[in-house]
Amino acid sequence: QVQLVESGGGLVQAGGSLRLSCAASGRIFSINDMGWYRQAPGKQRELVAVISSDGSTNYGASVKGRFTISRDSAKKTVDLQLLSLKPEDTAAYYCNADIRDSVRTLSRGYWGQGTQVTVSS
């Protein structure tokens, strides 16, 4: 059973920073893309950032230049550094990873349980 566990959310003032971490564990053969999504109340879940197994990255337009995604493939972790936070960044942040659990299976997407980020004005 594969699990993704996030940590690092919290309450911060506008202009502040946070660092989110996500660790994958369980039966894992390989991990392709890892990323972060967020969902604010009443809104659809949206891409924040994604990083491939070769380190290439892609960011949502609203966070580009403020957030930085990184991964440690050996530790099976993905981090998200959030800088210059704005009230509109308030949301539940979810870790996502495309994981293959054995050589005989195709990869599939897994989600963490989410961690809340709240930015006060």
PDB file of N, CA and C in Angstrom:
ATOM      1  N   GLN A   1       0.835  -1.182   0.000  1.00  0.00           N
ATOM      2  CA  GLN A   1       0.000   0.000   0.000  1.00  0.00           C
ATOM      3  C   GLN A   1       0.878   1.242   0.000  1.00  0.00           C
ATOM      4  N   VAL A   2       0.611   2.127  -0.933  1.00  0.00           N
ATOM      5  CA  VAL A   2       1.399   3.353  -1.049  1.00  0.00           C
ATOM      6  C   VAL A   2       0.725   4.466  -0.249  1.00  0.00           C
ATOM      7  N   GLN A   3       1.517   5.233   0.455  1.00  0.00           N
ATOM      8  CA  GLN A   3       1.005   6.378   1.205  1.00  0.00           C
ATOM      9  C   GLN A   3       1.817   7.622   0.901  1.00  0.00           C
ATOM     10  N   LEU A   4       1.124   8.752   0.829  1.00  0.00           N
ATOM     11  CA  LEU A   4       1.769  10.053   0.743  1.00  0.00           C
ATOM     12  C   LEU A   4       1.349  10.841   1.970  1.00  0.00           C
ATOM     13  N   VAL A   5       2.331  11.338   2.705  1.00  0.00           N
ATOM     14  CA  VAL A   5       2.035  12.065   3.937  1.00  0.00           C
ATOM     15  C   VAL A   5       2.652  13.457   3.840  1.00  0.00           C
ATOM     16  N   GLU A   6       1.790  14.467   3.952  1.00  0.00           N
ATOM     17  CA  GLU A   6       2.248  15.857   3.888  1.00  0.00           C
ATOM     18  C   GLU A   6       2.467  16.422   5.287  1.00  0.00           C
ATOM     19  N   SER A   7       3.295  17.444   5.343  1.00  0.00           N
ATOM     20  CA  SER A   7       3.510  18.181   6.584  1.00  0.00           C
ATOM     21  C   SER A   7       3.931  19.596   6.234  1.00  0.00           C
ATOM     22  N   GLY A   8       3.797  20.493   7.212  1.00  0.00           N
ATOM     23  CA  GLY A   8       4.340  21.835   7.043  1.00  0.00           C
ATOM     24  C   GLY A   8       3.340  22.942   6.835  1.00  0.00           C
ATOM     25  N   GLY A   9       2.068  22.637   6.748  1.00  0.00           N
ATOM     26  CA  GLY A   9       1.082  23.702   6.587  1.00  0.00           C
ATOM     27  C   GLY A   9       0.936  24.519   7.855  1.00  0.00           C
ATOM     28  N   GLY A  10       0.147  25.586   7.775  1.00  0.00           N
ATOM     29  CA  GLY A  10      -0.093  26.405   8.952  1.00  0.00           C
ATOM     30  C   GLY A  10      -0.648  27.756   8.606  1.00  0.00           C
ATOM     31  N   LEU A  11      -0.640  28.636   9.610  1.00  0.00           N
ATOM     32  CA  LEU A  11      -1.136  29.993   9.470  1.00  0.00           C
ATOM     33  C   LEU A  11       0.043  30.947   9.383  1.00  0.00           C
ATOM     34  N   VAL A  12       0.014  31.828   8.393  1.00  0.00           N
ATOM     35  CA  VAL A  12       1.110  32.775   8.198  1.00  0.00           C
ATOM     36  C   VAL A  12       0.539  34.101   7.712  1.00  0.00           C
ATOM     37  N   GLN A  13       1.239  35.178   8.015  1.00  0.00           N
ATOM     38  CA  GLN A  13       0.807  36.489   7.533  1.00  0.00           C
ATOM     39  C   GLN A  13       1.215  36.687   6.088  1.00  0.00           C
ATOM     40  N   ALA A  14       0.486  37.555   5.427  1.00  0.00           N
ATOM     41  CA  ALA A  14       0.830  37.890   4.044  1.00  0.00           C
ATOM     42  C   ALA A  14       2.285  38.358   3.973  1.00  0.00           C
ATOM     43  N   GLY A  15       2.972  37.875   2.935  1.00  0.00           N
ATOM     44  CA  GLY A  15       4.382  38.181   2.779  1.00  0.00           C
ATOM     45  C   GLY A  15       5.305  37.174   3.431  1.00  0.00           C
ATOM     46  N   GLY A  16       4.736  36.291   4.220  1.00  0.00           N
ATOM     47  CA  GLY A  16       5.518  35.287   4.906  1.00  0.00           C
ATOM     48  C   GLY A  16       5.842  34.092   4.037  1.00  0.00           C
ATOM     49  N   SER A  17       6.414  33.075   4.665  1.00  0.00           N
ATOM     50  CA  SER A  17       6.830  31.890   3.924  1.00  0.00           C
ATOM     51  C   SER A  17       6.501  30.630   4.703  1.00  0.00           C
ATOM     52  N   LEU A  18       6.399  29.541   3.985  1.00  0.00           N
ATOM     53  CA  LEU A  18       6.193  28.208   4.540  1.00  0.00           C
ATOM     54  C   LEU A  18       6.929  27.206   3.673  1.00  0.00           C
ATOM     55  N   ARG A  19       7.174  26.049   4.247  1.00  0.00           N
ATOM     56  CA  ARG A  19       7.743  24.943   3.477  1.00  0.00           C
ATOM     57  C   ARG A  19       6.892  23.713   3.730  1.00  0.00           C
ATOM     58  N   LEU A  20       6.392  23.141   2.645  1.00  0.00           N
ATOM     59  CA  LEU A  20       5.615  21.913   2.718  1.00  0.00           C
ATOM     60  C   LEU A  20       6.482  20.737   2.305  1.00  0.00           C
ATOM     61  N   SER A  21       6.260  19.618   2.974  1.00  0.00           N
ATOM     62  CA  SER A  21       6.992  18.397   2.628  1.00  0.00           C
ATOM     63  C   SER A  21       6.015  17.255   2.441  1.00  0.00           C
ATOM     64  N   CYS A  22       6.389  16.335   1.580  1.00  0.00           N
ATOM     65  CA  CYS A  22       5.567  15.148   1.325  1.00  0.00           C
ATOM     66  C   CYS A  22       6.495  13.953   1.185  1.00  0.00           C
ATOM     67  N   ALA A  23       6.175  12.892   1.904  1.00  0.00           N
ATOM     68  CA  ALA A  23       6.984  11.681   1.853  1.00  0.00           C
ATOM     69  C   ALA A  23       6.134  10.519   1.370  1.00  0.00           C
ATOM     70  N   ALA A  24       6.668   9.796   0.401  1.00  0.00           N
ATOM     71  CA  ALA A  24       6.006   8.598  -0.111  1.00  0.00           C
ATOM     72  C   ALA A  24       6.583   7.377   0.575  1.00  0.00           C
ATOM     73  N   SER A  25       5.711   6.435   0.903  1.00  0.00           N
ATOM     74  CA  SER A  25       6.170   5.210   1.552  1.00  0.00           C
ATOM     75  C   SER A  25       5.310   4.045   1.105  1.00  0.00           C
ATOM     76  N   GLY A  26       5.788   2.849   1.431  1.00  0.00           N
ATOM     77  CA  GLY A  26       5.042   1.649   1.071  1.00  0.00           C
ATOM     78  C   GLY A  26       5.689   0.917  -0.081  1.00  0.00           C
ATOM     79  N   ARG A  27       4.868   0.168  -0.797  1.00  0.00           N
ATOM     80  CA  ARG A  27       5.366  -0.650  -1.895  1.00  0.00           C
ATOM     81  C   ARG A  27       5.568   0.243  -3.123  1.00  0.00           C
ATOM     82  N   ILE A  28       6.797   0.627  -3.393  1.00  0.00           N
ATOM     83  CA  ILE A  28       7.121   1.550  -4.479  1.00  0.00           C
ATOM     84  C   ILE A  28       8.244   0.987  -5.319  1.00  0.00           C
ATOM     85  N   PHE A  29       7.968   0.798  -6.611  1.00  0.00           N
ATOM     86  CA  PHE A  29       9.007   0.366  -7.544  1.00  0.00           C
ATOM     87  C   PHE A  29       9.693   1.574  -8.158  1.00  0.00           C
ATOM     88  N   SER A  30       8.893   2.544  -8.574  1.00  0.00           N
ATOM     89  CA  SER A  30       9.454   3.770  -9.140  1.00  0.00           C
ATOM     90  C   SER A  30       8.433   4.900  -9.032  1.00  0.00           C
ATOM     91  N   ILE A  31       8.955   6.124  -9.042  1.00  0.00           N
ATOM     92  CA  ILE A  31       8.105   7.311  -8.978  1.00  0.00           C
ATOM     93  C   ILE A  31       8.404   8.189 -10.186  1.00  0.00           C
ATOM     94  N   ASN A  32       7.396   8.557 -10.913  1.00  0.00           N
ATOM     95  CA  ASN A  32       7.563   9.462 -12.045  1.00  0.00           C
ATOM     96  C   ASN A  32       7.394  10.905 -11.547  1.00  0.00           C
ATOM     97  N   ASP A  33       6.387  11.595 -12.011  1.00  0.00           N
ATOM     98  CA  ASP A  33       6.166  12.968 -11.564  1.00  0.00           C
ATOM     99  C   ASP A  33       5.702  13.011 -10.113  1.00  0.00           C
ATOM    100  N   MET A  34       6.134  14.059  -9.413  1.00  0.00           N
ATOM    101  CA  MET A  34       5.622  14.380  -8.080  1.00  0.00           C
ATOM    102  C   MET A  34       5.197  15.843  -8.115  1.00  0.00           C
ATOM    103  N   GLY A  35       4.154  16.168  -7.383  1.00  0.00           N
ATOM    104  CA  GLY A  35       3.699  17.544  -7.461  1.00  0.00           C
ATOM    105  C   GLY A  35       2.785  17.949  -6.336  1.00  0.00           C
ATOM    106  N   TRP A  36       2.395  19.206  -6.405  1.00  0.00           N
ATOM    107  CA  TRP A  36       1.495  19.798  -5.423  1.00  0.00           C
ATOM    108  C   TRP A  36       0.324  20.444  -6.151  1.00  0.00           C
ATOM    109  N   TYR A  37      -0.843  20.223  -5.585  1.00  0.00           N
ATOM    110  CA  TYR A  37      -2.061  20.857  -6.046  1.00  0.00           C
ATOM    111  C   TYR A  37      -2.700  21.555  -4.854  1.00  0.00           C
ATOM    112  N   ARG A  38      -3.624  22.454  -5.116  1.00  0.00           N
ATOM    113  CA  ARG A  38      -4.323  23.102  -4.019  1.00  0.00           C
ATOM    114  C   ARG A  38      -5.789  23.283  -4.368  1.00  0.00           C
ATOM    115  N   GLN A  39      -6.583  23.377  -3.324  1.00  0.00           N
ATOM    116  CA  GLN A  39      -8.010  23.577  -3.510  1.00  0.00           C
ATOM    117  C   GLN A  39      -8.537  24.512  -2.431  1.00  0.00           C
ATOM    118  N   ALA A  40      -9.057  25.627  -2.864  1.00  0.00           N
ATOM    119  CA  ALA A  40      -9.679  26.576  -1.963  1.00  0.00           C
ATOM    120  C   ALA A  40     -11.174  26.279  -1.894  1.00  0.00           C
ATOM    121  N   PRO A  41     -11.832  26.682  -0.827  1.00  0.00           N
ATOM    122  CA  PRO A  41     -13.283  26.420  -0.699  1.00  0.00           C
ATOM    123  C   PRO A  41     -14.064  26.971  -1.887  1.00  0.00           C
ATOM    124  N   GLY A  42     -14.908  26.126  -2.468  1.00  0.00           N
ATOM    125  CA  GLY A  42     -15.740  26.548  -3.581  1.00  0.00           C
ATOM    126  C   GLY A  42     -15.036  26.609  -4.915  1.00  0.00           C
ATOM    127  N   LYS A  43     -13.770  26.198  -4.946  1.00  0.00           N
ATOM    128  CA  LYS A  43     -13.007  26.239  -6.196  1.00  0.00           C
ATOM    129  C   LYS A  43     -12.511  24.853  -6.571  1.00  0.00           C
ATOM    130  N   GLN A  44     -12.140  24.718  -7.838  1.00  0.00           N
ATOM    131  CA  GLN A  44     -11.602  23.448  -8.316  1.00  0.00           C
ATOM    132  C   GLN A  44     -10.151  23.282  -7.869  1.00  0.00           C
ATOM    133  N   ARG A  45      -9.734  22.037  -7.764  1.00  0.00           N
ATOM    134  CA  ARG A  45      -8.344  21.765  -7.448  1.00  0.00           C
ATOM    135  C   ARG A  45      -7.480  22.218  -8.629  1.00  0.00           C
ATOM    136  N   GLU A  46      -6.372  22.889  -8.316  1.00  0.00           N
ATOM    137  CA  GLU A  46      -5.519  23.412  -9.378  1.00  0.00           C
ATOM    138  C   GLU A  46      -4.063  23.020  -9.153  1.00  0.00           C
ATOM    139  N   LEU A  47      -3.337  22.955 -10.250  1.00  0.00           N
ATOM    140  CA  LEU A  47      -1.909  22.651 -10.189  1.00  0.00           C
ATOM    141  C   LEU A  47      -1.160  23.805  -9.547  1.00  0.00           C
ATOM    142  N   VAL A  48      -0.286  23.467  -8.608  1.00  0.00           N
ATOM    143  CA  VAL A  48       0.640  24.444  -8.047  1.00  0.00           C
ATOM    144  C   VAL A  48       2.010  24.275  -8.703  1.00  0.00           C
ATOM    145  N   ALA A  49       2.538  23.051  -8.624  1.00  0.00           N
ATOM    146  CA  ALA A  49       3.846  22.788  -9.216  1.00  0.00           C
ATOM    147  C   ALA A  49       4.024  21.290  -9.366  1.00  0.00           C
ATOM    148  N   VAL A  50       4.803  20.902 -10.370  1.00  0.00           N
ATOM    149  CA  VAL A  50       5.100  19.497 -10.588  1.00  0.00           C
ATOM    150  C   VAL A  50       6.565  19.373 -10.979  1.00  0.00           C
ATOM    151  N   ILE A  51       7.185  18.279 -10.563  1.00  0.00           N
ATOM    152  CA  ILE A  51       8.580  18.012 -10.899  1.00  0.00           C
ATOM    153  C   ILE A  51       8.700  16.579 -11.393  1.00  0.00           C
ATOM    154  N   SER A  52       9.379  16.415 -12.512  1.00  0.00           N
ATOM    155  CA  SER A  52       9.519  15.096 -13.087  1.00  0.00           C
ATOM    156  C   SER A  52      10.697  14.353 -12.464  1.00  0.00           C
ATOM    157  N   SER A  53      10.846  13.098 -12.851  1.00  0.00           N
ATOM    158  CA  SER A  53      11.932  12.292 -12.309  1.00  0.00           C
ATOM    159  C   SER A  53      13.303  12.803 -12.748  1.00  0.00           C
ATOM    160  N   ASP A  54      13.344  13.556 -13.856  1.00  0.00           N
ATOM    161  CA  ASP A  54      14.630  14.105 -14.303  1.00  0.00           C
ATOM    162  C   ASP A  54      14.848  15.522 -13.814  1.00  0.00           C
ATOM    163  N   GLY A  55      13.917  16.019 -12.975  1.00  0.00           N
ATOM    164  CA  GLY A  55      14.103  17.317 -12.342  1.00  0.00           C
ATOM    165  C   GLY A  55      13.476  18.499 -13.054  1.00  0.00           C
ATOM    166  N   SER A  56      12.855  18.276 -14.180  1.00  0.00           N
ATOM    167  CA  SER A  56      12.210  19.393 -14.856  1.00  0.00           C
ATOM    168  C   SER A  56      10.947  19.783 -14.096  1.00  0.00           C
ATOM    169  N   THR A  57      10.649  21.078 -14.101  1.00  0.00           N
ATOM    170  CA  THR A  57       9.558  21.597 -13.284  1.00  0.00           C
ATOM    171  C   THR A  57       8.546  22.372 -14.109  1.00  0.00           C
ATOM    172  N   ASN A  58       7.349  22.474 -13.570  1.00  0.00           N
ATOM    173  CA  ASN A  58       6.298  23.264 -14.186  1.00  0.00           C
ATOM    174  C   ASN A  58       5.476  23.875 -13.051  1.00  0.00           C
ATOM    175  N   TYR A  59       5.122  25.151 -13.194  1.00  0.00           N
ATOM    176  CA  TYR A  59       4.409  25.861 -12.136  1.00  0.00           C
ATOM    177  C   TYR A  59       3.101  26.456 -12.649  1.00  0.00           C
ATOM    178  N   GLY A  60       2.138  26.554 -11.735  1.00  0.00           N
ATOM    179  CA  GLY A  60       0.940  27.298 -12.055  1.00  0.00           C
ATOM    180  C   GLY A  60       1.267  28.771 -12.204  1.00  0.00           C
ATOM    181  N   ALA A  61       0.531  29.444 -13.055  1.00  0.00           N
ATOM    182  CA  ALA A  61       0.847  30.838 -13.373  1.00  0.00           C
ATOM    183  C   ALA A  61       0.814  31.728 -12.133  1.00  0.00           C
ATOM    184  N   SER A  62      -0.086  31.453 -11.208  1.00  0.00           N
ATOM    185  CA  SER A  62      -0.257  32.336 -10.053  1.00  0.00           C
ATOM    186  C   SER A  62       0.852  32.198  -9.017  1.00  0.00           C
ATOM    187  N   VAL A  63       1.666  31.155  -9.106  1.00  0.00           N
ATOM    188  CA  VAL A  63       2.715  30.942  -8.100  1.00  0.00           C
ATOM    189  C   VAL A  63       4.113  31.045  -8.688  1.00  0.00           C
ATOM    190  N   LYS A  64       4.205  31.150  -9.988  1.00  0.00           N
ATOM    191  CA  LYS A  64       5.518  31.184 -10.639  1.00  0.00           C
ATOM    192  C   LYS A  64       6.333  32.362 -10.107  1.00  0.00           C
ATOM    193  N   GLY A  65       7.564  32.070  -9.734  1.00  0.00           N
ATOM    194  CA  GLY A  65       8.439  33.108  -9.193  1.00  0.00           C
ATOM    195  C   GLY A  65       8.361  33.254  -7.684  1.00  0.00           C
ATOM    196  N   ARG A  66       7.355  32.646  -7.074  1.00  0.00           N
ATOM    197  CA  ARG A  66       7.209  32.737  -5.607  1.00  0.00           C
ATOM    198  C   ARG A  66       7.404  31.381  -4.934  1.00  0.00           C
ATOM    199  N   PHE A  67       6.983  30.318  -5.601  1.00  0.00           N
ATOM    200  CA  PHE A  67       7.071  28.969  -5.040  1.00  0.00           C
ATOM    201  C   PHE A  67       8.164  28.190  -5.766  1.00  0.00           C
ATOM    202  N   THR A  68       8.797  27.277  -5.045  1.00  0.00           N
ATOM    203  CA  THR A  68       9.826  26.427  -5.637  1.00  0.00           C
ATOM    204  C   THR A  68       9.601  24.988  -5.206  1.00  0.00           C
ATOM    205  N   ILE A  69       9.556  24.099  -6.189  1.00  0.00           N
ATOM    206  CA  ILE A  69       9.383  22.679  -5.907  1.00  0.00           C
ATOM    207  C   ILE A  69      10.730  21.978  -6.032  1.00  0.00           C
ATOM    208  N   SER A  70      10.960  20.989  -5.169  1.00  0.00           N
ATOM    209  CA  SER A  70      12.189  20.191  -5.233  1.00  0.00           C
ATOM    210  C   SER A  70      11.863  18.781  -4.780  1.00  0.00           C
ATOM    211  N   ARG A  71      12.727  17.842  -5.139  1.00  0.00           N
ATOM    212  CA  ARG A  71      12.504  16.465  -4.711  1.00  0.00           C
ATOM    213  C   ARG A  71      13.819  15.806  -4.374  1.00  0.00           C
ATOM    214  N   ASP A  72      13.714  14.811  -3.524  1.00  0.00           N
ATOM    215  CA  ASP A  72      14.853  13.946  -3.196  1.00  0.00           C
ATOM    216  C   ASP A  72      14.404  12.543  -3.582  1.00  0.00           C
ATOM    217  N   SER A  73      14.876  12.071  -4.723  1.00  0.00           N
ATOM    218  CA  SER A  73      14.402  10.787  -5.227  1.00  0.00           C
ATOM    219  C   SER A  73      14.820   9.629  -4.322  1.00  0.00           C
ATOM    220  N   ALA A  74      15.969   9.724  -3.726  1.00  0.00           N
ATOM    221  CA  ALA A  74      16.436   8.654  -2.832  1.00  0.00           C
ATOM    222  C   ALA A  74      15.542   8.536  -1.599  1.00  0.00           C
ATOM    223  N   LYS A  75      15.092   9.683  -1.080  1.00  0.00           N
ATOM    224  CA  LYS A  75      14.234   9.679   0.108  1.00  0.00           C
ATOM    225  C   LYS A  75      12.756   9.608  -0.247  1.00  0.00           C
ATOM    226  N   LYS A  76      12.442   9.705  -1.543  1.00  0.00           N
ATOM    227  CA  LYS A  76      11.052   9.663  -2.010  1.00  0.00           C
ATOM    228  C   LYS A  76      10.242  10.812  -1.409  1.00  0.00           C
ATOM    229  N   THR A  77      10.835  11.996  -1.427  1.00  0.00           N
ATOM    230  CA  THR A  77      10.161  13.167  -0.884  1.00  0.00           C
ATOM    231  C   THR A  77      10.075  14.270  -1.930  1.00  0.00           C
ATOM    232  N   VAL A  78       9.080  15.123  -1.760  1.00  0.00           N
ATOM    233  CA  VAL A  78       8.942  16.312  -2.587  1.00  0.00           C
ATOM    234  C   VAL A  78       8.577  17.469  -1.661  1.00  0.00           C
ATOM    235  N   ASP A  79       9.269  18.573  -1.824  1.00  0.00           N
ATOM    236  CA  ASP A  79       9.060  19.748  -0.999  1.00  0.00           C
ATOM    237  C   ASP A  79       8.542  20.904  -1.845  1.00  0.00           C
ATOM    238  N   LEU A  80       7.854  21.818  -1.179  1.00  0.00           N
ATOM    239  CA  LEU A  80       7.386  23.028  -1.835  1.00  0.00           C
ATOM    240  C   LEU A  80       7.712  24.205  -0.925  1.00  0.00           C
ATOM    241  N   GLN A  81       8.583  25.090  -1.405  1.00  0.00           N
ATOM    242  CA  GLN A  81       8.909  26.308  -0.678  1.00  0.00           C
ATOM    243  C   GLN A  81       7.972  27.407  -1.149  1.00  0.00           C
ATOM    244  N   LEU A  82       7.235  28.003  -0.216  1.00  0.00           N
ATOM    245  CA  LEU A  82       6.266  29.036  -0.538  1.00  0.00           C
ATOM    246  C   LEU A  82       6.783  30.367   0.006  1.00  0.00           C
ATOM    247  N   LEU A  83       7.032  31.314  -0.861  1.00  0.00           N
ATOM    248  CA  LEU A  83       7.515  32.624  -0.469  1.00  0.00           C
ATOM    249  C   LEU A  83       6.505  33.694  -0.879  1.00  0.00           C
ATOM    250  N   SER A  84       6.635  34.862  -0.245  1.00  0.00           N
ATOM    251  CA  SER A  84       5.780  36.015  -0.581  1.00  0.00           C
ATOM    252  C   SER A  84       4.312  35.609  -0.636  1.00  0.00           C
ATOM    253  N   LEU A  85       3.868  34.934   0.404  1.00  0.00           N
ATOM    254  CA  LEU A  85       2.510  34.400   0.413  1.00  0.00           C
ATOM    255  C   LEU A  85       1.469  35.503   0.417  1.00  0.00           C
ATOM    256  N   LYS A  86       0.374  35.211  -0.264  1.00  0.00           N
ATOM    257  CA  LYS A  86      -0.751  36.138  -0.384  1.00  0.00           C
ATOM    258  C   LYS A  86      -2.008  35.478   0.189  1.00  0.00           C
ATOM    259  N   PRO A  87      -2.973  36.276   0.609  1.00  0.00           N
ATOM    260  CA  PRO A  87      -4.219  35.669   1.120  1.00  0.00           C
ATOM    261  C   PRO A  87      -4.865  34.727   0.113  1.00  0.00           C
ATOM    262  N   GLU A  88      -4.716  35.011  -1.167  1.00  0.00           N
ATOM    263  CA  GLU A  88      -5.314  34.131  -2.179  1.00  0.00           C
ATOM    264  C   GLU A  88      -4.591  32.797  -2.329  1.00  0.00           C
ATOM    265  N   ASP A  89      -3.478  32.622  -1.635  1.00  0.00           N
ATOM    266  CA  ASP A  89      -2.816  31.317  -1.597  1.00  0.00           C
ATOM    267  C   ASP A  89      -3.451  30.388  -0.558  1.00  0.00           C
ATOM    268  N   THR A  90      -4.385  30.910   0.222  1.00  0.00           N
ATOM    269  CA  THR A  90      -5.049  30.097   1.229  1.00  0.00           C
ATOM    270  C   THR A  90      -5.809  28.950   0.566  1.00  0.00           C
ATOM    271  N   ALA A  91      -5.501  27.729   1.003  1.00  0.00           N
ATOM    272  CA  ALA A  91      -6.110  26.539   0.405  1.00  0.00           C
ATOM    273  C   ALA A  91      -5.602  25.311   1.141  1.00  0.00           C
ATOM    274  N   ALA A  92      -6.235  24.189   0.844  1.00  0.00           N
ATOM    275  CA  ALA A  92      -5.673  22.898   1.235  1.00  0.00           C
ATOM    276  C   ALA A  92      -4.716  22.469   0.134  1.00  0.00           C
ATOM    277  N   TYR A  93      -3.512  22.127   0.509  1.00  0.00           N
ATOM    278  CA  TYR A  93      -2.474  21.723  -0.446  1.00  0.00           C
ATOM    279  C   TYR A  93      -2.307  20.215  -0.403  1.00  0.00           C
ATOM    280  N   TYR A  94      -2.367  19.611  -1.584  1.00  0.00           N
ATOM    281  CA  TYR A  94      -2.314  18.154  -1.699  1.00  0.00           C
ATOM    282  C   TYR A  94      -1.068  17.727  -2.475  1.00  0.00           C
ATOM    283  N   CYS A  95      -0.402  16.730  -1.952  1.00  0.00           N
ATOM    284  CA  CYS A  95       0.719  16.114  -2.640  1.00  0.00           C
ATOM    285  C   CYS A  95       0.182  15.051  -3.602  1.00  0.00           C
ATOM    286  N   ASN A  96       0.802  14.949  -4.748  1.00  0.00           N
ATOM    287  CA  ASN A  96       0.418  13.954  -5.749  1.00  0.00           C
ATOM    288  C   ASN A  96       1.672  13.308  -6.314  1.00  0.00           C
ATOM    289  N   ALA A  97       1.600  12.021  -6.571  1.00  0.00           N
ATOM    290  CA  ALA A  97       2.746  11.335  -7.171  1.00  0.00           C
ATOM    291  C   ALA A  97       2.256  10.232  -8.095  1.00  0.00           C
ATOM    292  N   ASP A  98       2.945  10.085  -9.192  1.00  0.00           N
ATOM    293  CA  ASP A  98       2.663   9.029 -10.164  1.00  0.00           C
ATOM    294  C   ASP A  98       3.610   7.876  -9.866  1.00  0.00           C
ATOM    295  N   ILE A  99       3.067   6.806  -9.303  1.00  0.00           N
ATOM    296  CA  ILE A  99       3.894   5.743  -8.718  1.00  0.00           C
ATOM    297  C   ILE A  99       3.590   4.391  -9.347  1.00  0.00           C
ATOM    298  N   ARG A 100       4.664   3.670  -9.610  1.00  0.00           N
ATOM    299  CA  ARG A 100       4.561   2.289 -10.074  1.00  0.00           C
ATOM    300  C   ARG A 100       4.928   1.399  -8.902  1.00  0.00           C
ATOM    301  N   ASP A 101       4.028   0.496  -8.510  1.00  0.00           N
ATOM    302  CA  ASP A 101       4.315  -0.261  -7.293  1.00  0.00           C
ATOM    303  C   ASP A 101       5.004  -1.593  -7.547  1.00  0.00           C
ATOM    304  N   SER A 102       5.126  -1.993  -8.803  1.00  0.00           N
ATOM    305  CA  SER A 102       5.908  -3.185  -9.107  1.00  0.00           C
ATOM    306  C   SER A 102       6.295  -3.155 -10.574  1.00  0.00           C
ATOM    307  N   VAL A 103       7.224  -3.992 -10.958  1.00  0.00           N
ATOM    308  CA  VAL A 103       7.683  -4.057 -12.343  1.00  0.00           C
ATOM    309  C   VAL A 103       6.571  -4.571 -13.252  1.00  0.00           C
ATOM    310  N   ARG A 104       5.587  -5.224 -12.680  1.00  0.00           N
ATOM    311  CA  ARG A 104       4.528  -5.826 -13.489  1.00  0.00           C
ATOM    312  C   ARG A 104       3.314  -4.923 -13.669  1.00  0.00           C
ATOM    313  N   THR A 105       3.303  -3.775 -13.014  1.00  0.00           N
ATOM    314  CA  THR A 105       2.115  -2.918 -13.079  1.00  0.00           C
ATOM    315  C   THR A 105       2.435  -1.570 -13.708  1.00  0.00           C
ATOM    316  N   LEU A 106       1.395  -0.921 -14.200  1.00  0.00           N
ATOM    317  CA  LEU A 106       1.522   0.438 -14.703  1.00  0.00           C
ATOM    318  C   LEU A 106       1.474   1.415 -13.528  1.00  0.00           C
ATOM    319  N   SER A 107       1.975   2.612 -13.778  1.00  0.00           N
ATOM    320  CA  SER A 107       1.922   3.617 -12.714  1.00  0.00           C
ATOM    321  C   SER A 107       0.513   4.170 -12.573  1.00  0.00           C
ATOM    322  N   ARG A 108       0.231   4.704 -11.396  1.00  0.00           N
ATOM    323  CA  ARG A 108      -1.040   5.376 -11.145  1.00  0.00           C
ATOM    324  C   ARG A 108      -0.808   6.528 -10.176  1.00  0.00           C
ATOM    325  N   GLY A 109      -1.743   7.433 -10.147  1.00  0.00           N
ATOM    326  CA  GLY A 109      -1.609   8.594  -9.295  1.00  0.00           C
ATOM    327  C   GLY A 109      -2.097   8.333  -7.880  1.00  0.00           C
ATOM    328  N   TYR A 110      -1.352   8.868  -6.925  1.00  0.00           N
ATOM    329  CA  TYR A 110      -1.722   8.787  -5.514  1.00  0.00           C
ATOM    330  C   TYR A 110      -1.792  10.204  -4.957  1.00  0.00           C
ATOM    331  N   TRP A 111      -2.661  10.369  -3.944  1.00  0.00           N
ATOM    332  CA  TRP A 111      -2.839  11.666  -3.299  1.00  0.00           C
ATOM    333  C   TRP A 111      -2.570  11.557  -1.802  1.00  0.00           C
ATOM    334  N   GLY A 112      -2.036  12.630  -1.254  1.00  0.00           N
ATOM    335  CA  GLY A 112      -1.949  12.732   0.183  1.00  0.00           C
ATOM    336  C   GLY A 112      -3.260  13.228   0.748  1.00  0.00           C
ATOM    337  N   GLN A 113      -3.293  13.347   2.073  1.00  0.00           N
ATOM    338  CA  GLN A 113      -4.537  13.732   2.746  1.00  0.00           C
ATOM    339  C   GLN A 113      -4.739  15.241   2.753  1.00  0.00           C
ATOM    340  N   GLY A 114      -3.711  15.985   2.426  1.00  0.00           N
ATOM    341  CA  GLY A 114      -3.825  17.437   2.365  1.00  0.00           C
ATOM    342  C   GLY A 114      -3.309  18.120   3.612  1.00  0.00           C
ATOM    343  N   THR A 115      -2.769  19.314   3.432  1.00  0.00           N
ATOM    344  CA  THR A 115      -2.336  20.129   4.555  1.00  0.00           C
ATOM    345  C   THR A 115      -2.821  21.560   4.312  1.00  0.00           C
ATOM    346  N   GLN A 116      -3.347  22.192   5.328  1.00  0.00           N
ATOM    347  CA  GLN A 116      -3.970  23.507   5.181  1.00  0.00           C
ATOM    348  C   GLN A 116      -2.935  24.620   5.269  1.00  0.00           C
ATOM    349  N   VAL A 117      -3.007  25.524   4.322  1.00  0.00           N
ATOM    350  CA  VAL A 117      -2.217  26.759   4.355  1.00  0.00           C
ATOM    351  C   VAL A 117      -3.194  27.924   4.424  1.00  0.00           C
ATOM    352  N   THR A 118      -3.039  28.745   5.450  1.00  0.00           N
ATOM    353  CA  THR A 118      -3.901  29.906   5.619  1.00  0.00           C
ATOM    354  C   THR A 118      -3.037  31.160   5.712  1.00  0.00           C
ATOM    355  N   VAL A 119      -3.307  32.107   4.835  1.00  0.00           N
ATOM    356  CA  VAL A 119      -2.525  33.351   4.787  1.00  0.00           C
ATOM    357  C   VAL A 119      -3.436  34.502   5.192  1.00  0.00           C
ATOM    358  N   SER A 120      -3.080  35.154   6.276  1.00  0.00           N
ATOM    359  CA  SER A 120      -3.893  36.273   6.756  1.00  0.00           C
ATOM    360  C   SER A 120      -3.389  37.591   6.179  1.00  0.00           C
ATOM    361  N   SER A 121      -4.318  38.505   5.987  1.00  0.00           N
ATOM    362  CA  SER A 121      -3.947  39.807   5.396  1.00  0.00           C
ATOM    363  C   SER A 121      -3.539  40.815   6.462  1.00  0.00           C
TER     364      SER A 121
END
